[in-house]
Amino acid sequence: LTYGGALDHGMTAHPKVCPHTGELIFFGYSVMEPKVTYGVASAEGTRTCRLEVPTRSGRPVMMHDMAITRNYSILLEFPLHFDMQLAVKGGMPVAMDTKMPSRFGILPRHANSVEEIRWFEATSAYAFHIANAWEEGSKVRLIGCPTA
């Protein structure tokens, strides 16, 4: 499935389907480049949004899940980074940097530019999966499943 060739990157194992529009919201990360590619596909299967988002840490991140609300998407940049030197030495190719904060990028679902993303920082942590997200007035709430 490439959306007519418009999907030119990997896709998360956990894309989200909007219950109101039927859109598929997804991202793909790079193990070598410090970027995440965000996308939206219509219910009819046409890619309608594509943004290359530089990571805030400047390193390739292991982003496993994301969240959506009625109007927003939330990208989760936890401080779990790819490090191919670890893999070369026979280890896992990721390392957690607990000195770095967790970052949450909230963007309008159909953002046209990375400048539309509002980034927030929190204590260093990791959550492989997100339970839910929703809007309460001007606030976006997020519930994750933290990993110890």
Protein backbone atom coordinates (compact mmCIF):
# COMPACT_ATOMS: atom_id res chain seq x y z
CA LEU A 1 0.00 0.00 0.00
CA THR A 2 1.74 3.17 -1.19
CA TYR A 3 -1.15 5.57 -1.82
CA GLY A 4 -0.32 5.78 -5.50
CA GLY A 5 3.41 6.05 -4.77
CA ALA A 6 2.91 8.90 -2.28
CA LEU A 7 4.07 6.75 0.65
CA ASP A 8 7.84 6.84 0.23
CA HIS A 9 8.84 6.00 3.81
CA GLY A 10 8.17 3.43 6.50
CA MET A 11 4.90 3.57 8.42
CA THR A 12 4.22 3.13 12.10
CA ALA A 13 2.67 -0.10 13.29
CA HIS A 14 0.04 2.06 15.01
CA PRO A 15 -1.60 4.44 12.53
CA LYS A 16 -4.82 6.02 13.75
CA VAL A 17 -8.21 6.11 12.03
CA CYS A 18 -10.31 9.18 12.77
CA PRO A 19 -13.79 8.00 13.80
CA HIS A 20 -15.32 11.22 12.42
CA THR A 21 -13.68 11.45 8.97
CA GLY A 22 -12.31 7.98 8.29
CA GLU A 23 -8.87 9.49 7.63
CA LEU A 24 -5.75 7.47 8.37
CA ILE A 25 -3.14 9.45 10.34
CA PHE A 26 0.38 8.04 10.48
CA PHE A 27 4.11 8.70 10.62
CA GLY A 28 7.36 7.01 9.76
CA TYR A 29 10.73 7.48 11.39
CA SER A 30 14.24 7.07 10.05
CA VAL A 31 16.87 5.00 11.84
CA MET A 32 19.62 7.08 10.21
CA GLU A 33 18.24 10.61 9.83
CA PRO A 34 16.91 12.96 12.53
CA LYS A 35 13.42 13.24 11.07
CA VAL A 36 9.91 11.87 11.23
CA THR A 37 7.57 11.96 8.24
CA TYR A 38 3.96 12.72 9.20
CA GLY A 39 1.04 11.93 6.93
CA VAL A 40 -2.71 11.83 6.48
CA ALA A 41 -4.67 9.80 3.94
CA SER A 42 -8.32 10.40 3.13
CA ALA A 43 -10.98 7.76 3.72
CA GLU A 44 -10.86 7.22 -0.06
CA GLY A 45 -7.15 6.37 0.09
CA THR A 46 -5.54 9.57 -1.20
CA ARG A 47 -2.61 11.04 0.69
CA THR A 48 -3.68 14.54 1.69
CA CYS A 49 -0.87 15.67 3.99
CA ARG A 50 2.89 15.07 4.18
CA LEU A 51 5.35 16.83 6.47
CA GLU A 52 8.99 16.04 7.15
CA VAL A 53 9.49 16.95 10.79
CA PRO A 54 13.05 17.38 12.06
CA THR A 55 13.54 15.82 15.48
CA ARG A 56 14.02 18.32 18.30
CA SER A 57 16.98 16.36 19.63
CA GLY A 58 18.75 16.36 16.27
CA ARG A 59 19.05 12.56 16.50
CA PRO A 60 17.08 9.70 14.89
CA VAL A 61 14.36 8.74 17.38
CA MET A 62 12.47 5.51 17.97
CA MET A 63 8.91 6.82 17.80
CA HIS A 64 6.57 3.87 18.22
CA ASP A 65 3.12 5.45 18.58
CA MET A 66 1.25 8.72 18.24
CA ALA A 67 -2.11 10.13 19.24
CA ILE A 68 -4.93 12.04 17.60
CA THR A 69 -7.82 14.17 18.76
CA ARG A 70 -10.68 15.51 16.68
CA ASN A 71 -8.49 18.35 15.35
CA TYR A 72 -4.88 17.57 16.24
CA SER A 73 -2.16 14.98 15.92
CA ILE A 74 0.41 14.46 18.65
CA LEU A 75 3.94 13.33 17.80
CA LEU A 76 5.83 11.77 20.69
CA GLU A 77 9.55 12.40 20.73
CA PHE A 78 10.77 10.46 23.72
CA PRO A 79 14.55 10.32 24.31
CA LEU A 80 15.03 6.85 22.85
CA HIS A 81 17.49 7.33 20.00
CA PHE A 82 18.90 5.05 17.33
CA ASP A 83 22.61 4.46 17.68
CA MET A 84 24.01 2.18 14.98
CA GLN A 85 27.36 1.96 16.81
CA LEU A 86 25.56 -0.10 19.46
CA ALA A 87 24.25 -2.46 16.77
CA VAL A 88 27.73 -2.83 15.26
CA LYS A 89 28.93 -3.95 18.70
CA GLY A 90 26.18 -6.59 18.82
CA GLY A 91 23.75 -4.67 21.03
CA MET A 92 20.32 -3.20 20.58
CA PRO A 93 20.41 -0.26 18.15
CA VAL A 94 18.64 2.12 20.55
CA ALA A 95 19.69 3.97 23.69
CA MET A 96 17.64 5.92 26.21
CA ASP A 97 19.13 9.28 27.13
CA THR A 98 17.55 10.14 30.47
CA LYS A 99 19.29 13.52 30.47
CA MET A 100 17.04 14.58 27.56
CA PRO A 101 13.41 15.62 28.04
CA SER A 102 10.37 13.97 26.53
CA ARG A 103 8.87 16.13 23.79
CA PHE A 104 5.32 16.32 22.51
CA GLY A 105 4.55 17.99 19.19
CA ILE A 106 0.93 19.03 18.72
CA LEU A 107 -0.04 19.97 15.19
CA PRO A 108 -3.25 20.64 13.32
CA ARG A 109 -4.16 17.43 11.53
CA HIS A 110 -3.72 19.04 8.09
CA ALA A 111 -0.73 21.23 8.93
CA ASN A 112 1.04 22.73 5.92
CA SER A 113 4.33 23.48 7.64
CA VAL A 114 6.44 22.31 10.59
CA GLU A 115 6.12 25.86 11.94
CA GLU A 116 2.53 24.95 12.90
CA ILE A 117 3.76 22.36 15.41
CA ARG A 118 3.71 23.46 19.06
CA TRP A 119 6.32 21.59 21.06
CA PHE A 120 6.09 20.88 24.78
CA GLU A 121 8.73 19.33 27.04
CA ALA A 122 8.30 17.07 30.04
CA THR A 123 10.36 14.83 32.30
CA SER A 124 12.46 12.20 30.54
CA ALA A 125 10.33 9.08 30.09
CA TYR A 126 9.10 6.62 27.46
CA ALA A 127 5.71 5.22 26.49
CA PHE A 128 5.54 2.64 23.70
CA HIS A 129 1.78 2.97 23.52
CA ILE A 130 -0.79 5.70 23.99
CA ALA A 131 -4.15 4.93 25.56
CA ASN A 132 -6.09 8.04 24.49
CA ALA A 133 -6.01 11.75 23.70
CA TRP A 134 -8.77 14.34 23.57
CA GLU A 135 -9.44 18.06 23.62
CA GLU A 136 -10.87 19.94 26.62
CA GLY A 137 -11.41 23.51 25.54
CA SER A 138 -7.98 24.90 24.61
CA LYS A 139 -6.14 21.95 26.23
CA VAL A 140 -5.11 18.63 24.73
CA ARG A 141 -5.06 15.71 27.16
CA LEU A 142 -2.93 12.62 26.60
CA ILE A 143 -2.80 9.31 28.46
CA GLY A 144 0.14 7.05 27.78
CA CYS A 145 1.37 3.73 29.07
CA PRO A 146 4.79 4.59 30.52
CA THR A 147 7.62 2.11 30.41
CA ALA A 148 9.73 1.80 33.54
